[in-house]
Amino acid sequence: EAAAAGVPVLGTGVGVFPAMVEQFNSGFVLPTEEDAFIAEACRVIRELQASPELYRHHAHAAISGSQRLDWSRVKILWLNEFQRIQDVLKRKDSHGAGSPG
């Protein structure tokens, strides 16, 4: 919703958010750890406030990206993320097979 309104988006590197941001260059992927997230979010917000050009760039990219992002594309991003998680879990299980306890 923020992207559709022309607001550069901030979020963590969890789920499909990073793929959406990278695909459209519409915002910033921040660390997941709370203190680092807050510090980086404050830095990014200050940077956007100091640079109207940077803000406009991400705002236009956010609007453009949100207009191109229909549910069929979102579905693919989510399916890719679920597949990535499943692959990680399979690797984890295969490394733990035969281990005690």
PDB file of N, CA and C in Angstrom:
ATOM      1  N   GLU A   1       0.819  -1.195   0.000  1.00  0.00           N
ATOM      2  CA  GLU A   1       0.000   0.000   0.000  1.00  0.00           C
ATOM      3  C   GLU A   1       0.863   1.260   0.000  1.00  0.00           C
ATOM      4  N   ALA A   2       1.945   1.222   0.779  1.00  0.00           N
ATOM      5  CA  ALA A   2       2.827   2.393   0.804  1.00  0.00           C
ATOM      6  C   ALA A   2       3.415   2.647  -0.580  1.00  0.00           C
ATOM      7  N   ALA A   3       3.864   1.587  -1.233  1.00  0.00           N
ATOM      8  CA  ALA A   3       4.454   1.738  -2.558  1.00  0.00           C
ATOM      9  C   ALA A   3       3.438   2.318  -3.542  1.00  0.00           C
ATOM     10  N   ALA A   4       2.210   1.834  -3.479  1.00  0.00           N
ATOM     11  CA  ALA A   4       1.170   2.331  -4.388  1.00  0.00           C
ATOM     12  C   ALA A   4       0.890   3.806  -4.154  1.00  0.00           C
ATOM     13  N   ALA A   5       1.139   4.282  -2.925  1.00  0.00           N
ATOM     14  CA  ALA A   5       0.934   5.687  -2.590  1.00  0.00           C
ATOM     15  C   ALA A   5       2.171   6.535  -2.894  1.00  0.00           C
ATOM     16  N   GLY A   6       3.227   5.901  -3.405  1.00  0.00           N
ATOM     17  CA  GLY A   6       4.430   6.642  -3.747  1.00  0.00           C
ATOM     18  C   GLY A   6       5.362   6.892  -2.589  1.00  0.00           C
ATOM     19  N   VAL A   7       5.283   6.044  -1.582  1.00  0.00           N
ATOM     20  CA  VAL A   7       6.160   6.167  -0.424  1.00  0.00           C
ATOM     21  C   VAL A   7       7.238   5.085  -0.531  1.00  0.00           C
ATOM     22  N   PRO A   8       8.522   5.478  -0.523  1.00  0.00           N
ATOM     23  CA  PRO A   8       9.571   4.458  -0.514  1.00  0.00           C
ATOM     24  C   PRO A   8       9.376   3.528   0.692  1.00  0.00           C
ATOM     25  N   VAL A   9       9.492   2.239   0.461  1.00  0.00           N
ATOM     26  CA  VAL A   9       9.189   1.270   1.509  1.00  0.00           C
ATOM     27  C   VAL A   9      10.443   0.825   2.247  1.00  0.00           C
ATOM     28  N   LEU A  10      10.271   0.578   3.536  1.00  0.00           N
ATOM     29  CA  LEU A  10      11.329   0.061   4.394  1.00  0.00           C
ATOM     30  C   LEU A  10      10.826  -1.248   4.990  1.00  0.00           C
ATOM     31  N   GLY A  11      11.649  -2.265   4.981  1.00  0.00           N
ATOM     32  CA  GLY A  11      11.260  -3.536   5.571  1.00  0.00           C
ATOM     33  C   GLY A  11      12.472  -4.411   5.772  1.00  0.00           C
ATOM     34  N   THR A  12      12.236  -5.562   6.375  1.00  0.00           N
ATOM     35  CA  THR A  12      13.341  -6.469   6.669  1.00  0.00           C
ATOM     36  C   THR A  12      13.559  -7.448   5.524  1.00  0.00           C
ATOM     37  N   GLY A  13      14.653  -8.170   5.616  1.00  0.00           N
ATOM     38  CA  GLY A  13      15.005  -9.164   4.610  1.00  0.00           C
ATOM     39  C   GLY A  13      14.291 -10.478   4.825  1.00  0.00           C
ATOM     40  N   VAL A  14      13.028 -10.429   5.168  1.00  0.00           N
ATOM     41  CA  VAL A  14      12.246 -11.628   5.465  1.00  0.00           C
ATOM     42  C   VAL A  14      11.132 -11.760   4.436  1.00  0.00           C
ATOM     43  N   GLY A  15      10.830 -12.987   4.049  1.00  0.00           N
ATOM     44  CA  GLY A  15       9.733 -13.230   3.117  1.00  0.00           C
ATOM     45  C   GLY A  15      10.039 -12.714   1.727  1.00  0.00           C
ATOM     46  N   VAL A  16       9.022 -12.247   1.041  1.00  0.00           N
ATOM     47  CA  VAL A  16       9.186 -11.798  -0.348  1.00  0.00           C
ATOM     48  C   VAL A  16       9.542 -10.319  -0.451  1.00  0.00           C
ATOM     49  N   PHE A  17       9.591  -9.623   0.659  1.00  0.00           N
ATOM     50  CA  PHE A  17       9.876  -8.195   0.615  1.00  0.00           C
ATOM     51  C   PHE A  17      11.175  -7.877  -0.131  1.00  0.00           C
ATOM     52  N   PRO A  18      12.300  -8.565   0.183  1.00  0.00           N
ATOM     53  CA  PRO A  18      13.539  -8.221  -0.527  1.00  0.00           C
ATOM     54  C   PRO A  18      13.417  -8.395  -2.043  1.00  0.00           C
ATOM     55  N   ALA A  19      12.762  -9.446  -2.488  1.00  0.00           N
ATOM     56  CA  ALA A  19      12.628  -9.675  -3.927  1.00  0.00           C
ATOM     57  C   ALA A  19      11.816  -8.571  -4.575  1.00  0.00           C
ATOM     58  N   MET A  20      10.764  -8.135  -3.914  1.00  0.00           N
ATOM     59  CA  MET A  20       9.930  -7.072  -4.471  1.00  0.00           C
ATOM     60  C   MET A  20      10.692  -5.757  -4.528  1.00  0.00           C
ATOM     61  N   VAL A  21      11.436  -5.447  -3.481  1.00  0.00           N
ATOM     62  CA  VAL A  21      12.202  -4.201  -3.453  1.00  0.00           C
ATOM     63  C   VAL A  21      13.305  -4.231  -4.508  1.00  0.00           C
ATOM     64  N   GLU A  22      14.017  -5.359  -4.605  1.00  0.00           N
ATOM     65  CA  GLU A  22      15.092  -5.462  -5.588  1.00  0.00           C
ATOM     66  C   GLU A  22      14.549  -5.407  -7.006  1.00  0.00           C
ATOM     67  N   GLN A  23      13.401  -6.048  -7.249  1.00  0.00           N
ATOM     68  CA  GLN A  23      12.833  -6.076  -8.587  1.00  0.00           C
ATOM     69  C   GLN A  23      12.458  -4.680  -9.066  1.00  0.00           C
ATOM     70  N   PHE A  24      11.963  -3.840  -8.170  1.00  0.00           N
ATOM     71  CA  PHE A  24      11.462  -2.526  -8.576  1.00  0.00           C
ATOM     72  C   PHE A  24      12.303  -1.362  -8.055  1.00  0.00           C
ATOM     73  N   ASN A  25      13.329  -1.629  -7.231  1.00  0.00           N
ATOM     74  CA  ASN A  25      14.159  -0.575  -6.650  1.00  0.00           C
ATOM     75  C   ASN A  25      13.285   0.472  -5.959  1.00  0.00           C
ATOM     76  N   SER A  26      12.330  -0.029  -5.179  1.00  0.00           N
ATOM     77  CA  SER A  26      11.301   0.847  -4.622  1.00  0.00           C
ATOM     78  C   SER A  26      11.471   1.140  -3.138  1.00  0.00           C
ATOM     79  N   GLY A  27      12.573   0.695  -2.557  1.00  0.00           N
ATOM     80  CA  GLY A  27      12.733   0.930  -1.129  1.00  0.00           C
ATOM     81  C   GLY A  27      14.036   0.363  -0.609  1.00  0.00           C
ATOM     82  N   PHE A  28      14.006  -0.002   0.651  1.00  0.00           N
ATOM     83  CA  PHE A  28      15.224  -0.397   1.345  1.00  0.00           C
ATOM     84  C   PHE A  28      14.978  -1.647   2.177  1.00  0.00           C
ATOM     85  N   VAL A  29      15.878  -2.615   2.050  1.00  0.00           N
ATOM     86  CA  VAL A  29      15.834  -3.824   2.868  1.00  0.00           C
ATOM     87  C   VAL A  29      16.746  -3.588   4.064  1.00  0.00           C
ATOM     88  N   LEU A  30      16.180  -3.712   5.250  1.00  0.00           N
ATOM     89  CA  LEU A  30      16.895  -3.402   6.484  1.00  0.00           C
ATOM     90  C   LEU A  30      17.184  -4.669   7.280  1.00  0.00           C
ATOM     91  N   PRO A  31      18.124  -4.597   8.225  1.00  0.00           N
ATOM     92  CA  PRO A  31      18.440  -5.765   9.049  1.00  0.00           C
ATOM     93  C   PRO A  31      17.223  -6.217   9.865  1.00  0.00           C
ATOM     94  N   THR A  32      17.203  -7.488  10.230  1.00  0.00           N
ATOM     95  CA  THR A  32      16.071  -8.019  10.990  1.00  0.00           C
ATOM     96  C   THR A  32      16.227  -7.802  12.497  1.00  0.00           C
ATOM     97  N   GLU A  33      17.437  -7.641  12.972  1.00  0.00           N
ATOM     98  CA  GLU A  33      17.663  -7.437  14.409  1.00  0.00           C
ATOM     99  C   GLU A  33      17.131  -6.062  14.805  1.00  0.00           C
ATOM    100  N   GLU A  34      16.370  -5.996  15.877  1.00  0.00           N
ATOM    101  CA  GLU A  34      15.605  -4.792  16.208  1.00  0.00           C
ATOM    102  C   GLU A  34      16.444  -3.521  16.314  1.00  0.00           C
ATOM    103  N   ASP A  35      17.527  -3.552  17.083  1.00  0.00           N
ATOM    104  CA  ASP A  35      18.329  -2.331  17.254  1.00  0.00           C
ATOM    105  C   ASP A  35      18.958  -1.893  15.930  1.00  0.00           C
ATOM    106  N   ALA A  36      19.461  -2.861  15.166  1.00  0.00           N
ATOM    107  CA  ALA A  36      20.059  -2.535  13.873  1.00  0.00           C
ATOM    108  C   ALA A  36      18.992  -2.017  12.908  1.00  0.00           C
ATOM    109  N   PHE A  37      17.798  -2.595  12.970  1.00  0.00           N
ATOM    110  CA  PHE A  37      16.699  -2.145  12.113  1.00  0.00           C
ATOM    111  C   PHE A  37      16.375  -0.683  12.401  1.00  0.00           C
ATOM    112  N   ILE A  38      16.215  -0.354  13.670  1.00  0.00           N
ATOM    113  CA  ILE A  38      15.860   1.016  14.054  1.00  0.00           C
ATOM    114  C   ILE A  38      16.946   1.998  13.625  1.00  0.00           C
ATOM    115  N   ALA A  39      18.199   1.643  13.867  1.00  0.00           N
ATOM    116  CA  ALA A  39      19.308   2.528  13.494  1.00  0.00           C
ATOM    117  C   ALA A  39      19.358   2.737  11.980  1.00  0.00           C
ATOM    118  N   GLU A  40      19.213   1.648  11.228  1.00  0.00           N
ATOM    119  CA  GLU A  40      19.276   1.759   9.769  1.00  0.00           C
ATOM    120  C   GLU A  40      18.053   2.490   9.219  1.00  0.00           C
ATOM    121  N   ALA A  41      16.881   2.249   9.785  1.00  0.00           N
ATOM    122  CA  ALA A  41      15.674   2.952   9.345  1.00  0.00           C
ATOM    123  C   ALA A  41      15.832   4.458   9.562  1.00  0.00           C
ATOM    124  N   CYS A  42      16.364   4.848  10.698  1.00  0.00           N
ATOM    125  CA  CYS A  42      16.593   6.275  10.975  1.00  0.00           C
ATOM    126  C   CYS A  42      17.582   6.862   9.985  1.00  0.00           C
ATOM    127  N   ARG A  43      18.642   6.113   9.677  1.00  0.00           N
ATOM    128  CA  ARG A  43      19.635   6.590   8.717  1.00  0.00           C
ATOM    129  C   ARG A  43      19.003   6.787   7.340  1.00  0.00           C
ATOM    130  N   VAL A  44      18.222   5.795   6.899  1.00  0.00           N
ATOM    131  CA  VAL A  44      17.588   5.869   5.575  1.00  0.00           C
ATOM    132  C   VAL A  44      16.603   7.035   5.516  1.00  0.00           C
ATOM    133  N   ILE A  45      15.813   7.204   6.554  1.00  0.00           N
ATOM    134  CA  ILE A  45      14.831   8.300   6.584  1.00  0.00           C
ATOM    135  C   ILE A  45      15.537   9.656   6.511  1.00  0.00           C
ATOM    136  N   ARG A  46      16.631   9.800   7.274  1.00  0.00           N
ATOM    137  CA  ARG A  46      17.404  11.053   7.204  1.00  0.00           C
ATOM    138  C   ARG A  46      17.968  11.270   5.803  1.00  0.00           C
ATOM    139  N   GLU A  47      18.447  10.194   5.179  1.00  0.00           N
ATOM    140  CA  GLU A  47      19.006  10.288   3.830  1.00  0.00           C
ATOM    141  C   GLU A  47      17.922  10.712   2.825  1.00  0.00           C
ATOM    142  N   LEU A  48      16.730  10.136   2.974  1.00  0.00           N
ATOM    143  CA  LEU A  48      15.626  10.503   2.084  1.00  0.00           C
ATOM    144  C   LEU A  48      15.189  11.951   2.297  1.00  0.00           C
ATOM    145  N   GLN A  49      15.196  12.393   3.558  1.00  0.00           N
ATOM    146  CA  GLN A  49      14.830  13.778   3.852  1.00  0.00           C
ATOM    147  C   GLN A  49      15.858  14.749   3.294  1.00  0.00           C
ATOM    148  N   ALA A  50      17.117  14.362   3.302  1.00  0.00           N
ATOM    149  CA  ALA A  50      18.191  15.243   2.850  1.00  0.00           C
ATOM    150  C   ALA A  50      18.306  15.287   1.326  1.00  0.00           C
ATOM    151  N   SER A  51      17.743  14.287   0.652  1.00  0.00           N
ATOM    152  CA  SER A  51      17.896  14.210  -0.799  1.00  0.00           C
ATOM    153  C   SER A  51      16.539  14.038  -1.473  1.00  0.00           C
ATOM    154  N   PRO A  52      15.914  15.158  -1.852  1.00  0.00           N
ATOM    155  CA  PRO A  52      14.630  15.059  -2.557  1.00  0.00           C
ATOM    156  C   PRO A  52      14.729  14.221  -3.839  1.00  0.00           C
ATOM    157  N   GLU A  53      15.885  14.260  -4.498  1.00  0.00           N
ATOM    158  CA  GLU A  53      16.066  13.464  -5.712  1.00  0.00           C
ATOM    159  C   GLU A  53      16.005  11.979  -5.398  1.00  0.00           C
ATOM    160  N   LEU A  54      16.670  11.560  -4.327  1.00  0.00           N
ATOM    161  CA  LEU A  54      16.649  10.156  -3.929  1.00  0.00           C
ATOM    162  C   LEU A  54      15.231   9.734  -3.541  1.00  0.00           C
ATOM    163  N   TYR A  55      14.548  10.601  -2.794  1.00  0.00           N
ATOM    164  CA  TYR A  55      13.168  10.300  -2.403  1.00  0.00           C
ATOM    165  C   TYR A  55      12.295  10.141  -3.650  1.00  0.00           C
ATOM    166  N   ARG A  56      12.406  11.074  -4.576  1.00  0.00           N
ATOM    167  CA  ARG A  56      11.583  11.010  -5.797  1.00  0.00           C
ATOM    168  C   ARG A  56      11.880   9.755  -6.600  1.00  0.00           C
ATOM    169  N   HIS A  57      13.163   9.404  -6.688  1.00  0.00           N
ATOM    170  CA  HIS A  57      13.552   8.196  -7.426  1.00  0.00           C
ATOM    171  C   HIS A  57      12.829   6.975  -6.855  1.00  0.00           C
ATOM    172  N   HIS A  58      12.914   6.788  -5.540  1.00  0.00           N
ATOM    173  CA  HIS A  58      12.293   5.612  -4.916  1.00  0.00           C
ATOM    174  C   HIS A  58      10.767   5.715  -4.920  1.00  0.00           C
ATOM    175  N   ALA A  59      10.242   6.923  -4.804  1.00  0.00           N
ATOM    176  CA  ALA A  59       8.782   7.104  -4.839  1.00  0.00           C
ATOM    177  C   ALA A  59       8.231   6.729  -6.213  1.00  0.00           C
ATOM    178  N   HIS A  60       8.875   7.198  -7.265  1.00  0.00           N
ATOM    179  CA  HIS A  60       8.419   6.859  -8.623  1.00  0.00           C
ATOM    180  C   HIS A  60       8.577   5.361  -8.884  1.00  0.00           C
ATOM    181  N   ALA A  61       9.690   4.789  -8.435  1.00  0.00           N
ATOM    182  CA  ALA A  61       9.898   3.346  -8.606  1.00  0.00           C
ATOM    183  C   ALA A  61       8.848   2.555  -7.830  1.00  0.00           C
ATOM    184  N   ALA A  62       8.481   3.046  -6.656  1.00  0.00           N
ATOM    185  CA  ALA A  62       7.470   2.360  -5.848  1.00  0.00           C
ATOM    186  C   ALA A  62       6.122   2.364  -6.555  1.00  0.00           C
ATOM    187  N   ILE A  63       5.722   3.513  -7.084  1.00  0.00           N
ATOM    188  CA  ILE A  63       4.443   3.599  -7.794  1.00  0.00           C
ATOM    189  C   ILE A  63       4.469   2.701  -9.029  1.00  0.00           C
ATOM    190  N   SER A  64       5.524   2.826  -9.807  1.00  0.00           N
ATOM    191  CA  SER A  64       5.641   2.033 -11.025  1.00  0.00           C
ATOM    192  C   SER A  64       5.633   0.534 -10.708  1.00  0.00           C
ATOM    193  N   GLY A  65       6.398   0.153  -9.693  1.00  0.00           N
ATOM    194  CA  GLY A  65       6.453  -1.261  -9.315  1.00  0.00           C
ATOM    195  C   GLY A  65       5.125  -1.779  -8.828  1.00  0.00           C
ATOM    196  N   SER A  66       4.432  -0.998  -8.034  1.00  0.00           N
ATOM    197  CA  SER A  66       3.150  -1.461  -7.504  1.00  0.00           C
ATOM    198  C   SER A  66       2.118  -1.600  -8.609  1.00  0.00           C
ATOM    199  N   GLN A  67       2.222  -0.773  -9.641  1.00  0.00           N
ATOM    200  CA  GLN A  67       1.290  -0.879 -10.768  1.00  0.00           C
ATOM    201  C   GLN A  67       1.551  -2.135 -11.589  1.00  0.00           C
ATOM    202  N   ARG A  68       2.794  -2.577 -11.622  1.00  0.00           N
ATOM    203  CA  ARG A  68       3.139  -3.781 -12.389  1.00  0.00           C
ATOM    204  C   ARG A  68       2.979  -5.056 -11.577  1.00  0.00           C
ATOM    205  N   LEU A  69       2.784  -4.932 -10.282  1.00  0.00           N
ATOM    206  CA  LEU A  69       2.778  -6.096  -9.408  1.00  0.00           C
ATOM    207  C   LEU A  69       1.347  -6.568  -9.175  1.00  0.00           C
ATOM    208  N   ASP A  70       0.918  -7.471 -10.013  1.00  0.00           N
ATOM    209  CA  ASP A  70      -0.408  -8.046  -9.801  1.00  0.00           C
ATOM    210  C   ASP A  70      -0.263  -9.335  -8.987  1.00  0.00           C
ATOM    211  N   TRP A  71      -1.373  -9.929  -8.614  1.00  0.00           N
ATOM    212  CA  TRP A  71      -1.329 -11.102  -7.732  1.00  0.00           C
ATOM    213  C   TRP A  71      -0.658 -12.297  -8.387  1.00  0.00           C
ATOM    214  N   SER A  72      -0.679 -12.397  -9.705  1.00  0.00           N
ATOM    215  CA  SER A  72       0.005 -13.525 -10.336  1.00  0.00           C
ATOM    216  C   SER A  72       1.517 -13.425 -10.108  1.00  0.00           C
ATOM    217  N   ARG A  73       2.059 -12.217 -10.086  1.00  0.00           N
ATOM    218  CA  ARG A  73       3.488 -12.040  -9.795  1.00  0.00           C
ATOM    219  C   ARG A  73       3.780 -12.230  -8.312  1.00  0.00           C
ATOM    220  N   VAL A  74       2.909 -11.731  -7.470  1.00  0.00           N
ATOM    221  CA  VAL A  74       3.102 -11.905  -6.024  1.00  0.00           C
ATOM    222  C   VAL A  74       3.085 -13.394  -5.686  1.00  0.00           C
ATOM    223  N   LYS A  75       2.174 -14.116  -6.315  1.00  0.00           N
ATOM    224  CA  LYS A  75       2.083 -15.559  -6.077  1.00  0.00           C
ATOM    225  C   LYS A  75       3.410 -16.237  -6.409  1.00  0.00           C
ATOM    226  N   ILE A  76       4.020 -15.868  -7.531  1.00  0.00           N
ATOM    227  CA  ILE A  76       5.293 -16.466  -7.924  1.00  0.00           C
ATOM    228  C   ILE A  76       6.380 -16.138  -6.911  1.00  0.00           C
ATOM    229  N   LEU A  77       6.411 -14.899  -6.432  1.00  0.00           N
ATOM    230  CA  LEU A  77       7.402 -14.525  -5.417  1.00  0.00           C
ATOM    231  C   LEU A  77       7.225 -15.364  -4.153  1.00  0.00           C
ATOM    232  N   TRP A  78       5.971 -15.524  -3.721  1.00  0.00           N
ATOM    233  CA  TRP A  78       5.712 -16.328  -2.521  1.00  0.00           C
ATOM    234  C   TRP A  78       6.068 -17.788  -2.753  1.00  0.00           C
ATOM    235  N   LEU A  79       5.718 -18.342  -3.896  1.00  0.00           N
ATOM    236  CA  LEU A  79       6.057 -19.740  -4.178  1.00  0.00           C
ATOM    237  C   LEU A  79       7.571 -19.943  -4.195  1.00  0.00           C
ATOM    238  N   ASN A  80       8.297 -18.996  -4.769  1.00  0.00           N
ATOM    239  CA  ASN A  80       9.764 -19.074  -4.755  1.00  0.00           C
ATOM    240  C   ASN A  80      10.304 -19.029  -3.334  1.00  0.00           C
ATOM    241  N   GLU A  81       9.702 -18.185  -2.491  1.00  0.00           N
ATOM    242  CA  GLU A  81      10.150 -18.089  -1.101  1.00  0.00           C
ATOM    243  C   GLU A  81       9.855 -19.380  -0.348  1.00  0.00           C
ATOM    244  N   PHE A  82       8.674 -19.944  -0.557  1.00  0.00           N
ATOM    245  CA  PHE A  82       8.346 -21.220   0.086  1.00  0.00           C
ATOM    246  C   PHE A  82       9.294 -22.323  -0.378  1.00  0.00           C
ATOM    247  N   GLN A  83       9.641 -22.342  -1.657  1.00  0.00           N
ATOM    248  CA  GLN A  83      10.582 -23.341  -2.167  1.00  0.00           C
ATOM    249  C   GLN A  83      11.951 -23.150  -1.532  1.00  0.00           C
ATOM    250  N   ARG A  84      12.381 -21.906  -1.382  1.00  0.00           N
ATOM    251  CA  ARG A  84      13.683 -21.637  -0.748  1.00  0.00           C
ATOM    252  C   ARG A  84      13.696 -22.149   0.684  1.00  0.00           C
ATOM    253  N   ILE A  85      12.614 -21.892   1.414  1.00  0.00           N
ATOM    254  CA  ILE A  85      12.523 -22.351   2.807  1.00  0.00           C
ATOM    255  C   ILE A  85      12.524 -23.873   2.850  1.00  0.00           C
ATOM    256  N   GLN A  86      11.772 -24.503   1.961  1.00  0.00           N
ATOM    257  CA  GLN A  86      11.728 -25.957   1.930  1.00  0.00           C
ATOM    258  C   GLN A  86      13.112 -26.531   1.639  1.00  0.00           C
ATOM    259  N   ASP A  87      13.851 -25.930   0.715  1.00  0.00           N
ATOM    260  CA  ASP A  87      15.203 -26.391   0.401  1.00  0.00           C
ATOM    261  C   ASP A  87      16.129 -26.259   1.601  1.00  0.00           C
ATOM    262  N   VAL A  88      16.027 -25.148   2.314  1.00  0.00           N
ATOM    263  CA  VAL A  88      16.849 -24.947   3.513  1.00  0.00           C
ATOM    264  C   VAL A  88      16.531 -26.023   4.547  1.00  0.00           C
ATOM    265  N   LEU A  89      15.254 -26.287   4.755  1.00  0.00           N
ATOM    266  CA  LEU A  89      14.852 -27.301   5.737  1.00  0.00           C
ATOM    267  C   LEU A  89      15.318 -28.692   5.328  1.00  0.00           C
ATOM    268  N   LYS A  90      15.258 -29.007   4.050  1.00  0.00           N
ATOM    269  CA  LYS A  90      15.734 -30.310   3.569  1.00  0.00           C
ATOM    270  C   LYS A  90      17.232 -30.456   3.808  1.00  0.00           C
ATOM    271  N   ARG A  91      17.988 -29.399   3.500  1.00  0.00           N
ATOM    272  CA  ARG A  91      19.442 -29.450   3.740  1.00  0.00           C
ATOM    273  C   ARG A  91      19.730 -29.608   5.220  1.00  0.00           C
ATOM    274  N   LYS A  92      18.994 -28.913   6.035  1.00  0.00           N
ATOM    275  CA  LYS A  92      19.174 -28.996   7.484  1.00  0.00           C
ATOM    276  C   LYS A  92      18.879 -30.419   7.965  1.00  0.00           C
ATOM    277  N   ASP A  93      17.793 -31.009   7.460  1.00  0.00           N
ATOM    278  CA  ASP A  93      17.435 -32.378   7.837  1.00  0.00           C
ATOM    279  C   ASP A  93      18.477 -33.374   7.374  1.00  0.00           C
ATOM    280  N   SER A  94      19.004 -33.197   6.161  1.00  0.00           N
ATOM    281  CA  SER A  94      19.987 -34.154   5.634  1.00  0.00           C
ATOM    282  C   SER A  94      21.299 -34.073   6.404  1.00  0.00           C
ATOM    283  N   HIS A  95      21.651 -32.895   6.890  1.00  0.00           N
ATOM    284  CA  HIS A  95      22.882 -32.759   7.686  1.00  0.00           C
ATOM    285  C   HIS A  95      22.690 -33.325   9.086  1.00  0.00           C
ATOM    286  N   GLY A  96      21.479 -33.312   9.565  1.00  0.00           N
ATOM    287  CA  GLY A  96      21.206 -33.811  10.913  1.00  0.00           C
ATOM    288  C   GLY A  96      20.859 -35.283  10.947  1.00  0.00           C
ATOM    289  N   ALA A  97      20.683 -35.928   9.792  1.00  0.00           N
ATOM    290  CA  ALA A  97      20.298 -37.339   9.740  1.00  0.00           C
ATOM    291  C   ALA A  97      21.396 -38.197  10.348  1.00  0.00           C
ATOM    292  N   GLY A  98      20.997 -39.089  11.213  1.00  0.00           N
ATOM    293  CA  GLY A  98      21.943 -40.000  11.834  1.00  0.00           C
ATOM    294  C   GLY A  98      22.652 -39.416  13.046  1.00  0.00           C
ATOM    295  N   SER A  99      22.397 -38.152  13.338  1.00  0.00           N
ATOM    296  CA  SER A  99      23.019 -37.536  14.510  1.00  0.00           C
ATOM    297  C   SER A  99      22.254 -37.922  15.748  1.00  0.00           C
ATOM    298  N   PRO A 100      22.945 -38.099  16.861  1.00  0.00           N
ATOM    299  CA  PRO A 100      22.213 -38.393  18.100  1.00  0.00           C
ATOM    300  C   PRO A 100      21.350 -37.211  18.499  1.00  0.00           C
ATOM    301  N   GLY A 101      20.198 -37.534  19.033  1.00  0.00           N
ATOM    302  CA  GLY A 101      19.320 -36.673  19.633  1.00  0.00           C
ATOM    303  C   GLY A 101      18.775 -35.460  19.373  1.00  0.00           C
TER     304      GLY A 101
END
